[in-house]
Amino acid sequence: MMAGLLVAQYAEQLRMEQRHLQMADVDIEEGWQRIRKEENRVLDLQARGYDSRQAERLVEVLKHTLVEWERHRTLIIQRVSYLQTEVDQAPSAAH
């Protein structure tokens, strides 16, 4: 009985982490889109002869943030993998 409860908890955690992974994927894609927009703004500022240093710094901050989001996504994938293994290895009677 206790094993069945544990498997159910793992299964619920797995569903939650899979949702987190989907949200991370969306956030990362939107982050890349934002970076591309800001890079285009930098180019536009430069082409028009304006100082683009602030905009360039923003692009670097966005890129750093995106690296951290991708690291977090990797941790989510590792957690999903662990939970999936735990659920898959449970005796079928516990499912």
PDB file of N, CA and C in Angstrom:
ATOM      1  N   MET A   1       0.828  -1.204   0.000  1.00  0.00           N
ATOM      2  CA  MET A   1       0.000   0.000   0.000  1.00  0.00           C
ATOM      3  C   MET A   1       0.865   1.258   0.000  1.00  0.00           C
ATOM      4  N   MET A   2       1.902   1.247   0.845  1.00  0.00           N
ATOM      5  CA  MET A   2       2.779   2.394   0.932  1.00  0.00           C
ATOM      6  C   MET A   2       3.509   2.632  -0.394  1.00  0.00           C
ATOM      7  N   ALA A   3       3.933   1.556  -1.054  1.00  0.00           N
ATOM      8  CA  ALA A   3       4.621   1.677  -2.338  1.00  0.00           C
ATOM      9  C   ALA A   3       3.697   2.302  -3.378  1.00  0.00           C
ATOM     10  N   GLY A   4       2.430   1.916  -3.363  1.00  0.00           N
ATOM     11  CA  GLY A   4       1.462   2.482  -4.301  1.00  0.00           C
ATOM     12  C   GLY A   4       1.297   3.979  -4.105  1.00  0.00           C
ATOM     13  N   LEU A   5       1.292   4.420  -2.851  1.00  0.00           N
ATOM     14  CA  LEU A   5       1.181   5.846  -2.551  1.00  0.00           C
ATOM     15  C   LEU A   5       2.417   6.594  -3.050  1.00  0.00           C
ATOM     16  N   LEU A   6       3.578   5.995  -2.836  1.00  0.00           N
ATOM     17  CA  LEU A   6       4.818   6.615  -3.290  1.00  0.00           C
ATOM     18  C   LEU A   6       4.841   6.745  -4.813  1.00  0.00           C
ATOM     19  N   VAL A   7       4.429   5.694  -5.506  1.00  0.00           N
ATOM     20  CA  VAL A   7       4.389   5.733  -6.970  1.00  0.00           C
ATOM     21  C   VAL A   7       3.399   6.807  -7.434  1.00  0.00           C
ATOM     22  N   ALA A   8       2.265   6.916  -6.765  1.00  0.00           N
ATOM     23  CA  ALA A   8       1.285   7.941  -7.129  1.00  0.00           C
ATOM     24  C   ALA A   8       1.874   9.337  -6.932  1.00  0.00           C
ATOM     25  N   GLN A   9       2.640   9.511  -5.864  1.00  0.00           N
ATOM     26  CA  GLN A   9       3.284  10.813  -5.628  1.00  0.00           C
ATOM     27  C   GLN A   9       4.321  11.114  -6.711  1.00  0.00           C
ATOM     28  N   TYR A  10       5.115  10.098  -7.061  1.00  0.00           N
ATOM     29  CA  TYR A  10       6.091  10.271  -8.140  1.00  0.00           C
ATOM     30  C   TYR A  10       5.382  10.604  -9.450  1.00  0.00           C
ATOM     31  N   ALA A  11       4.299   9.926  -9.719  1.00  0.00           N
ATOM     32  CA  ALA A  11       3.564  10.164 -10.960  1.00  0.00           C
ATOM     33  C   ALA A  11       3.028  11.603 -11.003  1.00  0.00           C
ATOM     34  N   GLU A  12       2.526  12.094  -9.882  1.00  0.00           N
ATOM     35  CA  GLU A  12       2.030  13.471  -9.829  1.00  0.00           C
ATOM     36  C   GLU A  12       3.178  14.462  -9.993  1.00  0.00           C
ATOM     37  N   GLN A  13       4.303  14.185  -9.338  1.00  0.00           N
ATOM     38  CA  GLN A  13       5.469  15.050  -9.498  1.00  0.00           C
ATOM     39  C   GLN A  13       5.952  15.044 -10.948  1.00  0.00           C
ATOM     40  N   LEU A  14       5.894  13.876 -11.579  1.00  0.00           N
ATOM     41  CA  LEU A  14       6.297  13.758 -12.979  1.00  0.00           C
ATOM     42  C   LEU A  14       5.412  14.635 -13.864  1.00  0.00           C
ATOM     43  N   ARG A  15       4.120  14.581 -13.670  1.00  0.00           N
ATOM     44  CA  ARG A  15       3.195  15.421 -14.455  1.00  0.00           C
ATOM     45  C   ARG A  15       3.504  16.909 -14.243  1.00  0.00           C
ATOM     46  N   MET A  16       3.773  17.284 -12.996  1.00  0.00           N
ATOM     47  CA  MET A  16       4.078  18.676 -12.680  1.00  0.00           C
ATOM     48  C   MET A  16       5.382  19.113 -13.355  1.00  0.00           C
ATOM     49  N   GLU A  17       6.404  18.280 -13.291  1.00  0.00           N
ATOM     50  CA  GLU A  17       7.683  18.629 -13.911  1.00  0.00           C
ATOM     51  C   GLU A  17       7.567  18.672 -15.433  1.00  0.00           C
ATOM     52  N   GLN A  18       6.739  17.818 -16.011  1.00  0.00           N
ATOM     53  CA  GLN A  18       6.518  17.866 -17.459  1.00  0.00           C
ATOM     54  C   GLN A  18       5.852  19.183 -17.848  1.00  0.00           C
ATOM     55  N   ARG A  19       4.935  19.664 -17.025  1.00  0.00           N
ATOM     56  CA  ARG A  19       4.317  20.982 -17.278  1.00  0.00           C
ATOM     57  C   ARG A  19       5.374  22.089 -17.169  1.00  0.00           C
ATOM     58  N   HIS A  20       6.238  21.969 -16.156  1.00  0.00           N
ATOM     59  CA  HIS A  20       7.310  22.960 -15.998  1.00  0.00           C
ATOM     60  C   HIS A  20       8.230  22.960 -17.215  1.00  0.00           C
ATOM     61  N   LEU A  21       8.502  21.778 -17.754  1.00  0.00           N
ATOM     62  CA  LEU A  21       9.349  21.666 -18.930  1.00  0.00           C
ATOM     63  C   LEU A  21       8.693  22.354 -20.131  1.00  0.00           C
ATOM     64  N   GLN A  22       7.400  22.151 -20.296  1.00  0.00           N
ATOM     65  CA  GLN A  22       6.685  22.816 -21.391  1.00  0.00           C
ATOM     66  C   GLN A  22       6.749  24.334 -21.236  1.00  0.00           C
ATOM     67  N   MET A  23       6.558  24.813 -20.007  1.00  0.00           N
ATOM     68  CA  MET A  23       6.619  26.260 -19.773  1.00  0.00           C
ATOM     69  C   MET A  23       8.030  26.787 -20.019  1.00  0.00           C
ATOM     70  N   ALA A  24       9.041  26.036 -19.616  1.00  0.00           N
ATOM     71  CA  ALA A  24      10.427  26.451 -19.844  1.00  0.00           C
ATOM     72  C   ALA A  24      10.712  26.549 -21.334  1.00  0.00           C
ATOM     73  N   ASP A  25      10.221  25.581 -22.095  1.00  0.00           N
ATOM     74  CA  ASP A  25      10.417  25.610 -23.550  1.00  0.00           C
ATOM     75  C   ASP A  25       9.807  26.867 -24.168  1.00  0.00           C
ATOM     76  N   VAL A  26       8.613  27.215 -23.724  1.00  0.00           N
ATOM     77  CA  VAL A  26       7.947  28.425 -24.232  1.00  0.00           C
ATOM     78  C   VAL A  26       8.739  29.669 -23.830  1.00  0.00           C
ATOM     79  N   ASP A  27       9.149  29.737 -22.559  1.00  0.00           N
ATOM     80  CA  ASP A  27       9.905  30.892 -22.083  1.00  0.00           C
ATOM     81  C   ASP A  27      11.211  31.059 -22.854  1.00  0.00           C
ATOM     82  N   ILE A  28      11.901  29.950 -23.114  1.00  0.00           N
ATOM     83  CA  ILE A  28      13.170  30.008 -23.836  1.00  0.00           C
ATOM     84  C   ILE A  28      12.952  30.479 -25.274  1.00  0.00           C
ATOM     85  N   GLU A  29      11.940  29.954 -25.926  1.00  0.00           N
ATOM     86  CA  GLU A  29      11.654  30.390 -27.303  1.00  0.00           C
ATOM     87  C   GLU A  29      11.315  31.885 -27.335  1.00  0.00           C
ATOM     88  N   GLU A  30      10.500  32.331 -26.386  1.00  0.00           N
ATOM     89  CA  GLU A  30      10.158  33.754 -26.324  1.00  0.00           C
ATOM     90  C   GLU A  30      11.392  34.591 -26.004  1.00  0.00           C
ATOM     91  N   GLY A  31      12.298  34.042 -25.192  1.00  0.00           N
ATOM     92  CA  GLY A  31      13.540  34.733 -24.878  1.00  0.00           C
ATOM     93  C   GLY A  31      14.396  34.942 -26.113  1.00  0.00           C
ATOM     94  N   TRP A  32      14.499  33.888 -26.935  1.00  0.00           N
ATOM     95  CA  TRP A  32      15.255  34.024 -28.191  1.00  0.00           C
ATOM     96  C   TRP A  32      14.623  35.059 -29.111  1.00  0.00           C
ATOM     97  N   GLN A  33      13.292  35.078 -29.168  1.00  0.00           N
ATOM     98  CA  GLN A  33      12.609  36.079 -29.995  1.00  0.00           C
ATOM     99  C   GLN A  33      12.908  37.489 -29.490  1.00  0.00           C
ATOM    100  N   ARG A  34      12.894  37.653 -28.184  1.00  0.00           N
ATOM    101  CA  ARG A  34      13.179  38.973 -27.590  1.00  0.00           C
ATOM    102  C   ARG A  34      14.605  39.404 -27.913  1.00  0.00           C
ATOM    103  N   ILE A  35      15.544  38.458 -27.817  1.00  0.00           N
ATOM    104  CA  ILE A  35      16.939  38.783 -28.128  1.00  0.00           C
ATOM    105  C   ILE A  35      17.072  39.225 -29.587  1.00  0.00           C
ATOM    106  N   ARG A  36      16.432  38.508 -30.484  1.00  0.00           N
ATOM    107  CA  ARG A  36      16.503  38.876 -31.905  1.00  0.00           C
ATOM    108  C   ARG A  36      15.936  40.290 -32.137  1.00  0.00           C
ATOM    109  N   LYS A  37      14.829  40.600 -31.464  1.00  0.00           N
ATOM    110  CA  LYS A  37      14.240  41.938 -31.593  1.00  0.00           C
ATOM    111  C   LYS A  37      15.205  43.007 -31.093  1.00  0.00           C
ATOM    112  N   GLU A  38      15.813  42.742 -29.947  1.00  0.00           N
ATOM    113  CA  GLU A  38      16.731  43.723 -29.373  1.00  0.00           C
ATOM    114  C   GLU A  38      17.991  43.867 -30.227  1.00  0.00           C
ATOM    115  N   GLU A  39      18.471  42.758 -30.783  1.00  0.00           N
ATOM    116  CA  GLU A  39      19.624  42.843 -31.681  1.00  0.00           C
ATOM    117  C   GLU A  39      19.289  43.693 -32.911  1.00  0.00           C
ATOM    118  N   ASN A  40      18.079  43.545 -33.415  1.00  0.00           N
ATOM    119  CA  ASN A  40      17.642  44.370 -34.551  1.00  0.00           C
ATOM    120  C   ASN A  40      17.568  45.843 -34.163  1.00  0.00           C
ATOM    121  N   ARG A  41      17.143  46.120 -32.931  1.00  0.00           N
ATOM    122  CA  ARG A  41      17.105  47.509 -32.454  1.00  0.00           C
ATOM    123  C   ARG A  41      18.515  48.090 -32.379  1.00  0.00           C
ATOM    124  N   VAL A  42      19.462  47.278 -31.915  1.00  0.00           N
ATOM    125  CA  VAL A  42      20.856  47.723 -31.849  1.00  0.00           C
ATOM    126  C   VAL A  42      21.340  48.102 -33.244  1.00  0.00           C
ATOM    127  N   LEU A  43      21.087  47.215 -34.192  1.00  0.00           N
ATOM    128  CA  LEU A  43      21.507  47.493 -35.570  1.00  0.00           C
ATOM    129  C   LEU A  43      20.859  48.761 -36.106  1.00  0.00           C
ATOM    130  N   ASP A  44      19.589  48.943 -35.789  1.00  0.00           N
ATOM    131  CA  ASP A  44      18.870  50.135 -36.241  1.00  0.00           C
ATOM    132  C   ASP A  44      19.475  51.391 -35.617  1.00  0.00           C
ATOM    133  N   LEU A  45      19.747  51.344 -34.327  1.00  0.00           N
ATOM    134  CA  LEU A  45      20.357  52.493 -33.654  1.00  0.00           C
ATOM    135  C   LEU A  45      21.710  52.826 -34.281  1.00  0.00           C
ATOM    136  N   GLN A  46      22.515  51.787 -34.517  1.00  0.00           N
ATOM    137  CA  GLN A  46      23.837  51.996 -35.100  1.00  0.00           C
ATOM    138  C   GLN A  46      23.729  52.574 -36.513  1.00  0.00           C
ATOM    139  N   ALA A  47      22.796  52.043 -37.286  1.00  0.00           N
ATOM    140  CA  ALA A  47      22.625  52.513 -38.668  1.00  0.00           C
ATOM    141  C   ALA A  47      22.208  53.980 -38.707  1.00  0.00           C
ATOM    142  N   ARG A  48      21.472  54.411 -37.689  1.00  0.00           N
ATOM    143  CA  ARG A  48      21.010  55.796 -37.659  1.00  0.00           C
ATOM    144  C   ARG A  48      21.974  56.719 -36.914  1.00  0.00           C
ATOM    145  N   GLY A  49      23.109  56.138 -36.475  1.00  0.00           N
ATOM    146  CA  GLY A  49      24.140  56.956 -35.846  1.00  0.00           C
ATOM    147  C   GLY A  49      23.944  57.233 -34.370  1.00  0.00           C
ATOM    148  N   TYR A  50      23.058  56.511 -33.717  1.00  0.00           N
ATOM    149  CA  TYR A  50      22.823  56.701 -32.284  1.00  0.00           C
ATOM    150  C   TYR A  50      23.765  55.830 -31.451  1.00  0.00           C
ATOM    151  N   ASP A  51      23.939  56.238 -30.201  1.00  0.00           N
ATOM    152  CA  ASP A  51      24.722  55.457 -29.246  1.00  0.00           C
ATOM    153  C   ASP A  51      23.928  54.196 -28.896  1.00  0.00           C
ATOM    154  N   SER A  52      24.522  53.047 -29.138  1.00  0.00           N
ATOM    155  CA  SER A  52      23.801  51.781 -28.920  1.00  0.00           C
ATOM    156  C   SER A  52      24.318  51.000 -27.718  1.00  0.00           C
ATOM    157  N   ARG A  53      25.191  51.621 -26.914  1.00  0.00           N
ATOM    158  CA  ARG A  53      25.803  50.870 -25.797  1.00  0.00           C
ATOM    159  C   ARG A  53      24.786  50.328 -24.808  1.00  0.00           C
ATOM    160  N   GLN A  54      23.795  51.116 -24.456  1.00  0.00           N
ATOM    161  CA  GLN A  54      22.767  50.648 -23.511  1.00  0.00           C
ATOM    162  C   GLN A  54      22.000  49.464 -24.095  1.00  0.00           C
ATOM    163  N   ALA A  55      21.648  49.568 -25.349  1.00  0.00           N
ATOM    164  CA  ALA A  55      20.916  48.487 -26.012  1.00  0.00           C
ATOM    165  C   ALA A  55      21.774  47.233 -26.112  1.00  0.00           C
ATOM    166  N   GLU A  56      23.062  47.415 -26.371  1.00  0.00           N
ATOM    167  CA  GLU A  56      23.972  46.265 -26.436  1.00  0.00           C
ATOM    168  C   GLU A  56      24.079  45.585 -25.077  1.00  0.00           C
ATOM    169  N   ARG A  57      24.134  46.390 -24.012  1.00  0.00           N
ATOM    170  CA  ARG A  57      24.176  45.803 -22.659  1.00  0.00           C
ATOM    171  C   ARG A  57      22.905  45.014 -22.363  1.00  0.00           C
ATOM    172  N   LEU A  58      21.771  45.554 -22.802  1.00  0.00           N
ATOM    173  CA  LEU A  58      20.509  44.843 -22.609  1.00  0.00           C
ATOM    174  C   LEU A  58      20.537  43.488 -23.301  1.00  0.00           C
ATOM    175  N   VAL A  59      21.056  43.443 -24.521  1.00  0.00           N
ATOM    176  CA  VAL A  59      21.155  42.174 -25.249  1.00  0.00           C
ATOM    177  C   VAL A  59      22.012  41.187 -24.455  1.00  0.00           C
ATOM    178  N   GLU A  60      23.117  41.660 -23.893  1.00  0.00           N
ATOM    179  CA  GLU A  60      23.991  40.770 -23.116  1.00  0.00           C
ATOM    180  C   GLU A  60      23.287  40.256 -21.863  1.00  0.00           C
ATOM    181  N   VAL A  61      22.534  41.110 -21.199  1.00  0.00           N
ATOM    182  CA  VAL A  61      21.778  40.687 -20.016  1.00  0.00           C
ATOM    183  C   VAL A  61      20.727  39.644 -20.406  1.00  0.00           C
ATOM    184  N   LEU A  62      20.044  39.892 -21.511  1.00  0.00           N
ATOM    185  CA  LEU A  62      19.039  38.930 -21.984  1.00  0.00           C
ATOM    186  C   LEU A  62      19.674  37.584 -22.311  1.00  0.00           C
ATOM    187  N   LYS A  63      20.849  37.610 -22.940  1.00  0.00           N
ATOM    188  CA  LYS A  63      21.535  36.367 -23.276  1.00  0.00           C
ATOM    189  C   LYS A  63      21.962  35.623 -22.016  1.00  0.00           C
ATOM    190  N   HIS A  64      22.451  36.352 -21.024  1.00  0.00           N
ATOM    191  CA  HIS A  64      22.843  35.724 -19.760  1.00  0.00           C
ATOM    192  C   HIS A  64      21.627  35.085 -19.081  1.00  0.00           C
ATOM    193  N   THR A  65      20.532  35.802 -19.088  1.00  0.00           N
ATOM    194  CA  THR A  65      19.296  35.268 -18.504  1.00  0.00           C
ATOM    195  C   THR A  65      18.865  33.998 -19.220  1.00  0.00           C
ATOM    196  N   LEU A  66      18.962  34.005 -20.532  1.00  0.00           N
ATOM    197  CA  LEU A  66      18.571  32.839 -21.319  1.00  0.00           C
ATOM    198  C   LEU A  66      19.454  31.631 -21.004  1.00  0.00           C
ATOM    199  N   VAL A  67      20.740  31.858 -20.789  1.00  0.00           N
ATOM    200  CA  VAL A  67      21.646  30.765 -20.394  1.00  0.00           C
ATOM    201  C   VAL A  67      21.164  30.145 -19.081  1.00  0.00           C
ATOM    202  N   GLU A  68      20.772  30.994 -18.150  1.00  0.00           N
ATOM    203  CA  GLU A  68      20.281  30.486 -16.859  1.00  0.00           C
ATOM    204  C   GLU A  68      18.970  29.716 -17.032  1.00  0.00           C
ATOM    205  N   TRP A  69      18.099  30.199 -17.888  1.00  0.00           N
ATOM    206  CA  TRP A  69      16.848  29.471 -18.152  1.00  0.00           C
ATOM    207  C   TRP A  69      17.145  28.109 -18.762  1.00  0.00           C
ATOM    208  N   GLU A  70      18.127  28.053 -19.657  1.00  0.00           N
ATOM    209  CA  GLU A  70      18.479  26.774 -20.283  1.00  0.00           C
ATOM    210  C   GLU A  70      19.092  25.813 -19.260  1.00  0.00           C
ATOM    211  N   ARG A  71      19.880  26.345 -18.325  1.00  0.00           N
ATOM    212  CA  ARG A  71      20.409  25.504 -17.234  1.00  0.00           C
ATOM    213  C   ARG A  71      19.263  24.954 -16.390  1.00  0.00           C
ATOM    214  N   HIS A  72      18.313  25.808 -16.091  1.00  0.00           N
ATOM    215  CA  HIS A  72      17.160  25.374 -15.309  1.00  0.00           C
ATOM    216  C   HIS A  72      16.380  24.295 -16.065  1.00  0.00           C
ATOM    217  N   ARG A  73      16.227  24.465 -17.370  1.00  0.00           N
ATOM    218  CA  ARG A  73      15.547  23.472 -18.203  1.00  0.00           C
ATOM    219  C   ARG A  73      16.260  22.122 -18.118  1.00  0.00           C
ATOM    220  N   THR A  74      17.591  22.156 -18.116  1.00  0.00           N
ATOM    221  CA  THR A  74      18.367  20.918 -17.992  1.00  0.00           C
ATOM    222  C   THR A  74      18.069  20.225 -16.667  1.00  0.00           C
ATOM    223  N   LEU A  75      17.954  20.989 -15.596  1.00  0.00           N
ATOM    224  CA  LEU A  75      17.617  20.404 -14.290  1.00  0.00           C
ATOM    225  C   LEU A  75      16.218  19.784 -14.310  1.00  0.00           C
ATOM    226  N   ILE A  76      15.296  20.448 -14.966  1.00  0.00           N
ATOM    227  CA  ILE A  76      13.942  19.899 -15.077  1.00  0.00           C
ATOM    228  C   ILE A  76      13.987  18.579 -15.843  1.00  0.00           C
ATOM    229  N   ILE A  77      14.735  18.529 -16.938  1.00  0.00           N
ATOM    230  CA  ILE A  77      14.848  17.295 -17.722  1.00  0.00           C
ATOM    231  C   ILE A  77      15.423  16.171 -16.869  1.00  0.00           C
ATOM    232  N   GLN A  78      16.424  16.483 -16.070  1.00  0.00           N
ATOM    233  CA  GLN A  78      17.009  15.465 -15.195  1.00  0.00           C
ATOM    234  C   GLN A  78      15.983  14.960 -14.189  1.00  0.00           C
ATOM    235  N   ARG A  79      15.203  15.868 -13.638  1.00  0.00           N
ATOM    236  CA  ARG A  79      14.164  15.477 -12.662  1.00  0.00           C
ATOM    237  C   ARG A  79      13.089  14.627 -13.345  1.00  0.00           C
ATOM    238  N   VAL A  80      12.669  15.021 -14.545  1.00  0.00           N
ATOM    239  CA  VAL A  80      11.680  14.243 -15.294  1.00  0.00           C
ATOM    240  C   VAL A  80      12.203  12.835 -15.536  1.00  0.00           C
ATOM    241  N   SER A  81      13.452  12.736 -15.931  1.00  0.00           N
ATOM    242  CA  SER A  81      14.060  11.433 -16.208  1.00  0.00           C
ATOM    243  C   SER A  81      14.068  10.559 -14.953  1.00  0.00           C
ATOM    244  N   TYR A  82      14.468  11.135 -13.840  1.00  0.00           N
ATOM    245  CA  TYR A  82      14.480  10.391 -12.572  1.00  0.00           C
ATOM    246  C   TYR A  82      13.076   9.916 -12.198  1.00  0.00           C
ATOM    247  N   LEU A  83      12.121  10.812 -12.244  1.00  0.00           N
ATOM    248  CA  LEU A  83      10.753  10.451 -11.869  1.00  0.00           C
ATOM    249  C   LEU A  83      10.173   9.414 -12.826  1.00  0.00           C
ATOM    250  N   GLN A  84      10.454   9.551 -14.102  1.00  0.00           N
ATOM    251  CA  GLN A  84       9.962   8.578 -15.080  1.00  0.00           C
ATOM    252  C   GLN A  84      10.516   7.198 -14.778  1.00  0.00           C
ATOM    253  N   THR A  85      11.797   7.130 -14.425  1.00  0.00           N
ATOM    254  CA  THR A  85      12.415   5.848 -14.070  1.00  0.00           C
ATOM    255  C   THR A  85      11.742   5.247 -12.838  1.00  0.00           C
ATOM    256  N   GLU A  86      11.488   6.077 -11.845  1.00  0.00           N
ATOM    257  CA  GLU A  86      10.837   5.590 -10.621  1.00  0.00           C
ATOM    258  C   GLU A  86       9.440   5.055 -10.914  1.00  0.00           C
ATOM    259  N   VAL A  87       8.693   5.760 -11.722  1.00  0.00           N
ATOM    260  CA  VAL A  87       7.331   5.332 -12.070  1.00  0.00           C
ATOM    261  C   VAL A  87       7.381   4.056 -12.907  1.00  0.00           C
ATOM    262  N   ASP A  88       8.301   4.007 -13.880  1.00  0.00           N
ATOM    263  CA  ASP A  88       8.410   2.847 -14.761  1.00  0.00           C
ATOM    264  C   ASP A  88       8.856   1.580 -14.028  1.00  0.00           C
ATOM    265  N   GLN A  89       9.665   1.745 -13.000  1.00  0.00           N
ATOM    266  CA  GLN A  89      10.185   0.590 -12.263  1.00  0.00           C
ATOM    267  C   GLN A  89       9.253   0.073 -11.190  1.00  0.00           C
ATOM    268  N   ALA A  90       8.182   0.805 -10.948  1.00  0.00           N
ATOM    269  CA  ALA A  90       7.236   0.374  -9.913  1.00  0.00           C
ATOM    270  C   ALA A  90       6.520  -0.894 -10.377  1.00  0.00           C
ATOM    271  N   PRO A  91       6.235  -1.789  -9.432  1.00  0.00           N
ATOM    272  CA  PRO A  91       5.458  -2.988  -9.803  1.00  0.00           C
ATOM    273  C   PRO A  91       4.141  -2.578 -10.438  1.00  0.00           C
ATOM    274  N   SER A  92       3.725  -3.316 -11.452  1.00  0.00           N
ATOM    275  CA  SER A  92       2.523  -2.950 -12.193  1.00  0.00           C
ATOM    276  C   SER A  92       1.284  -2.920 -11.322  1.00  0.00           C
ATOM    277  N   ALA A  93       1.260  -3.672 -10.234  1.00  0.00           N
ATOM    278  CA  ALA A  93       0.115  -3.648  -9.317  1.00  0.00           C
ATOM    279  C   ALA A  93      -0.011  -2.332  -8.613  1.00  0.00           C
ATOM    280  N   ALA A  94       1.120  -1.597  -8.515  1.00  0.00           N
ATOM    281  CA  ALA A  94       1.098  -0.317  -7.834  1.00  0.00           C
ATOM    282  C   ALA A  94       0.588   0.805  -8.725  1.00  0.00           C
ATOM    283  N   HIS A  95       0.507   0.594 -10.030  1.00  0.00           N
ATOM    284  CA  HIS A  95       0.034   1.645 -10.962  1.00  0.00           C
ATOM    285  C   HIS A  95      -1.387   1.899 -10.794  1.00  0.00           C
TER     286      HIS A  95
END
